[in-house]
Amino acid sequence: QVQLVESGGGLVQTGGSLRLSCAASGRAFRNYAMGWFRQAPGKEREFVAAIGIGLSGMTVYADSVKGRFIISRDNARNTVYLQMHSLKPEDTAVYYCAAGGILETTAGSYHYWGLGTQVSVSS
């Protein structure tokens, strides 16, 4: 089982950058695919990015963040990151990290979730 805790959220101006971190506990971390999702008020939780299992994990991004966000993982530190650049007000949401058995873009495919960290982008 994996326990996940997100951090790094905050308030930034349009065009700014943030790096989110997700610290994981559990010996099986390196065997899980990891994903980032976000949820804005009144909206459904949506996929942001994911990274697969392996030393050099395959990555996949939502079209809305492609070219602006980068997901990475450090298995030695049991941590997954989401580096966000060129932030827009539309990126404002609570961001959640998740762990699952395979690389997937569907929220229901992930077994473990953190409690989220708030990202707010001012216009």
Protein backbone atom coordinates (compact mmCIF):
# COMPACT_ATOMS: atom_id res chain seq x y z
CA GLN A 1 0.00 0.00 0.00
CA VAL A 2 1.12 3.56 -0.76
CA GLN A 3 0.46 6.68 1.31
CA LEU A 4 0.67 9.95 -0.64
CA VAL A 5 1.13 13.54 0.55
CA GLU A 6 1.18 16.46 -1.89
CA SER A 7 2.95 19.77 -1.32
CA GLY A 8 4.16 22.81 -3.25
CA GLY A 9 0.89 24.48 -4.13
CA GLY A 10 0.34 28.18 -3.75
CA LEU A 11 -0.75 31.43 -5.34
CA VAL A 12 1.11 32.61 -8.43
CA GLN A 13 0.59 35.14 -11.19
CA THR A 14 -0.28 34.22 -14.74
CA GLY A 15 2.86 32.99 -16.49
CA GLY A 16 4.50 31.87 -13.28
CA SER A 17 5.82 28.48 -12.25
CA LEU A 18 5.33 26.02 -9.44
CA ARG A 19 6.67 22.59 -8.66
CA LEU A 20 4.40 20.17 -6.91
CA SER A 21 5.79 17.25 -4.96
CA CYS A 22 4.13 14.05 -3.89
CA ALA A 23 5.89 12.16 -1.14
CA ALA A 24 5.05 8.48 -0.96
CA SER A 25 5.54 5.87 1.70
CA GLY A 26 5.57 2.17 1.05
CA ARG A 27 8.14 -0.25 -0.27
CA ALA A 28 6.20 -0.84 -3.49
CA PHE A 29 6.45 2.76 -4.73
CA ARG A 30 8.71 1.89 -7.65
CA ASN A 31 6.20 -0.69 -8.84
CA TYR A 32 3.40 1.86 -9.27
CA ALA A 33 2.53 4.15 -12.10
CA MET A 34 1.93 7.67 -10.79
CA GLY A 35 -0.52 10.28 -11.96
CA TRP A 36 -1.50 13.87 -11.31
CA PHE A 37 -5.12 14.96 -11.47
CA ARG A 38 -6.84 18.23 -10.69
CA GLN A 39 -10.29 19.38 -9.70
CA ALA A 40 -11.68 22.90 -9.92
CA PRO A 41 -14.82 23.99 -8.05
CA GLY A 42 -17.93 22.69 -9.74
CA LYS A 43 -15.98 20.46 -12.11
CA GLU A 44 -15.10 16.81 -12.30
CA ARG A 45 -11.63 15.60 -11.49
CA GLU A 46 -9.53 15.61 -14.64
CA PHE A 47 -6.34 13.97 -15.76
CA VAL A 48 -3.19 16.09 -15.92
CA ALA A 49 -0.16 13.85 -16.34
CA ALA A 50 1.12 10.36 -15.58
CA ILE A 51 4.40 8.50 -15.48
CA GLY A 52 4.89 4.79 -15.80
CA ILE A 53 6.83 2.14 -13.98
CA GLY A 54 10.52 1.78 -14.64
CA LEU A 55 13.87 3.49 -14.44
CA SER A 56 12.89 5.80 -17.29
CA GLY A 57 9.14 5.88 -17.06
CA MET A 58 6.97 6.66 -20.03
CA THR A 59 4.99 9.88 -19.61
CA VAL A 60 1.65 11.08 -20.90
CA TYR A 61 0.02 14.52 -20.63
CA ALA A 62 -3.38 16.05 -21.06
CA ASP A 63 -3.60 18.26 -24.13
CA SER A 64 -4.32 21.26 -21.91
CA VAL A 65 -0.91 21.05 -20.20
CA LYS A 66 1.25 19.56 -22.95
CA GLY A 67 4.41 21.60 -23.37
CA ARG A 68 3.90 23.45 -20.08
CA PHE A 69 3.99 20.74 -17.40
CA ILE A 70 6.57 18.02 -16.78
CA ILE A 71 6.03 14.97 -14.61
CA SER A 72 9.00 13.13 -13.15
CA ARG A 73 9.76 10.63 -10.42
CA ASP A 74 12.65 9.84 -8.13
CA ASN A 75 12.24 6.30 -6.92
CA ALA A 76 15.18 6.61 -4.53
CA ARG A 77 13.33 9.40 -2.73
CA ASN A 78 9.84 7.95 -3.15
CA THR A 79 8.71 11.19 -4.74
CA VAL A 80 6.88 12.23 -7.88
CA TYR A 81 6.97 15.81 -9.16
CA LEU A 82 4.90 18.03 -11.37
CA GLN A 83 6.84 21.00 -12.69
CA MET A 84 4.40 23.59 -13.99
CA HIS A 85 5.35 26.52 -16.23
CA SER A 86 3.41 29.25 -18.00
CA LEU A 87 0.55 28.88 -15.57
CA LYS A 88 -2.86 30.16 -16.54
CA PRO A 89 -5.93 31.02 -14.47
CA GLU A 90 -7.54 27.92 -15.98
CA ASP A 91 -4.96 25.84 -14.13
CA THR A 92 -6.45 26.88 -10.79
CA ALA A 93 -7.55 23.73 -8.99
CA VAL A 94 -6.75 21.31 -6.23
CA TYR A 95 -4.06 18.99 -7.54
CA TYR A 96 -3.97 15.37 -6.46
CA CYS A 97 -1.37 12.70 -6.98
CA ALA A 98 -2.34 9.08 -7.36
CA ALA A 99 -0.76 5.66 -7.60
CA GLY A 100 -1.93 2.78 -9.74
CA GLY A 101 -0.82 -0.51 -11.18
CA ILE A 102 -0.46 0.67 -14.77
CA LEU A 103 0.02 3.88 -16.72
CA GLU A 104 -3.51 5.18 -17.17
CA THR A 105 -5.37 8.45 -17.69
CA THR A 106 -8.61 7.40 -16.01
CA ALA A 107 -9.00 8.43 -12.38
CA GLY A 108 -10.84 5.25 -11.53
CA SER A 109 -7.80 3.20 -12.50
CA TYR A 110 -5.74 4.55 -9.59
CA HIS A 111 -5.94 2.88 -6.20
CA TYR A 112 -4.27 5.41 -3.90
CA TRP A 113 -4.77 9.17 -3.60
CA GLY A 114 -3.33 12.07 -1.69
CA LEU A 115 -5.49 14.76 -0.11
CA GLY A 116 -4.46 17.41 -2.61
CA THR A 117 -2.68 20.75 -2.74
CA GLN A 118 -4.22 24.03 -3.90
CA VAL A 119 -2.84 25.82 -6.95
CA SER A 120 -4.26 29.30 -7.60
CA VAL A 121 -3.25 31.39 -10.60
CA SER A 122 -4.24 35.04 -10.55
CA SER A 123 -5.12 37.01 -13.65
